[in-house]
Amino acid sequence: MKEINFSELNEKIFEKKKEVERTILRTKKQERNIRTRPRDKNEAEILDKLCMKRWKKAEADGKVKYLSERVWYYEFD
């Protein structure tokens, strides 16, 4: 196994950094990454509470209009 000291390693990393960053940016998708790991229980509960709070606030502010039982209108900011 080849031995290398940290200063040489840092130099090699710095030399290739721009090229690697350009390659990553070129091959990167413009779309948002899809979440691959499941949310933990606490995170899901917190997000649910935040969504319910935001929905109730929108209802109180008159941003949600119930057009029929299954059709709503939500006014985004």
Protein backbone atom coordinates (compact mmCIF):
# COMPACT_ATOMS: atom_id res chain seq x y z
CA MET A 1 0.00 0.00 0.00
CA LYS A 2 1.33 3.41 -0.98
CA GLU A 3 2.05 5.88 1.82
CA ILE A 4 1.20 9.54 1.42
CA ASN A 5 1.33 12.44 3.84
CA PHE A 6 -1.54 14.84 4.43
CA SER A 7 0.01 17.81 2.64
CA GLU A 8 0.41 15.78 -0.58
CA LEU A 9 -3.15 14.49 -0.21
CA ASN A 10 -4.49 18.02 0.21
CA GLU A 11 -2.56 19.19 -2.86
CA LYS A 12 -3.99 16.37 -5.00
CA ILE A 13 -7.51 17.10 -3.75
CA PHE A 14 -7.11 20.82 -4.46
CA GLU A 15 -5.76 20.11 -7.99
CA LYS A 16 -8.77 17.98 -8.96
CA LYS A 17 -11.42 19.92 -7.04
CA LYS A 18 -12.51 22.23 -9.87
CA GLU A 19 -12.73 19.41 -12.39
CA VAL A 20 -14.76 17.23 -10.02
CA GLU A 21 -17.14 20.08 -9.14
CA ARG A 22 -17.69 20.82 -12.85
CA THR A 23 -18.43 17.15 -13.53
CA ILE A 24 -20.90 16.98 -10.65
CA LEU A 25 -22.71 20.11 -11.80
CA ARG A 26 -22.84 18.87 -15.40
CA THR A 27 -24.28 15.49 -14.49
CA LYS A 28 -26.58 16.72 -11.74
CA LYS A 29 -30.29 16.52 -12.49
CA GLN A 30 -32.32 19.71 -12.38
CA GLU A 31 -35.14 17.90 -10.59
CA ARG A 32 -35.44 17.66 -6.84
CA ASN A 33 -33.98 14.51 -5.30
CA ILE A 34 -36.51 11.91 -4.19
CA ARG A 35 -36.41 11.04 -0.52
CA THR A 36 -35.18 7.46 -0.17
CA ARG A 37 -35.23 6.91 3.57
CA PRO A 38 -38.48 6.82 5.55
CA ARG A 39 -39.21 9.60 8.01
CA ASP A 40 -38.93 8.70 11.66
CA LYS A 41 -42.06 8.74 13.81
CA ASN A 42 -41.29 12.02 15.59
CA GLU A 43 -40.49 13.83 12.36
CA ALA A 44 -43.75 12.67 10.77
CA GLU A 45 -45.77 13.80 13.81
CA ILE A 46 -44.13 17.23 13.83
CA LEU A 47 -44.74 17.71 10.11
CA ASP A 48 -48.39 16.63 10.52
CA LYS A 49 -48.91 19.15 13.33
CA LEU A 50 -47.28 21.93 11.30
CA CYS A 51 -49.50 21.16 8.29
CA MET A 52 -52.66 21.09 10.40
CA LYS A 53 -51.70 24.39 12.04
CA ARG A 54 -51.03 26.00 8.65
CA TRP A 55 -54.36 24.69 7.29
CA LYS A 56 -56.34 26.03 10.28
CA LYS A 57 -54.62 29.41 9.91
CA ALA A 58 -55.50 29.49 6.21
CA GLU A 59 -59.13 28.67 7.07
CA ALA A 60 -59.20 31.47 9.67
CA ASP A 61 -57.69 33.94 7.18
CA GLY A 62 -60.28 33.00 4.55
CA LYS A 63 -57.76 31.50 2.13
CA VAL A 64 -59.63 28.16 2.00
CA LYS A 65 -63.01 28.14 0.28
CA TYR A 66 -65.16 25.02 0.34
CA LEU A 67 -66.85 24.90 -3.07
CA SER A 68 -68.50 21.53 -2.39
CA GLU A 69 -67.93 18.57 -0.11
CA ARG A 70 -65.00 17.29 -2.18
CA VAL A 71 -63.83 20.46 -3.93
CA TRP A 72 -61.86 23.21 -2.22
CA TYR A 73 -60.09 26.36 -3.33
CA TYR A 74 -56.84 27.24 -1.56
CA GLU A 75 -55.35 30.68 -2.17
CA PHE A 76 -51.55 30.54 -2.12
CA ASP A 77 -49.47 33.54 -1.08
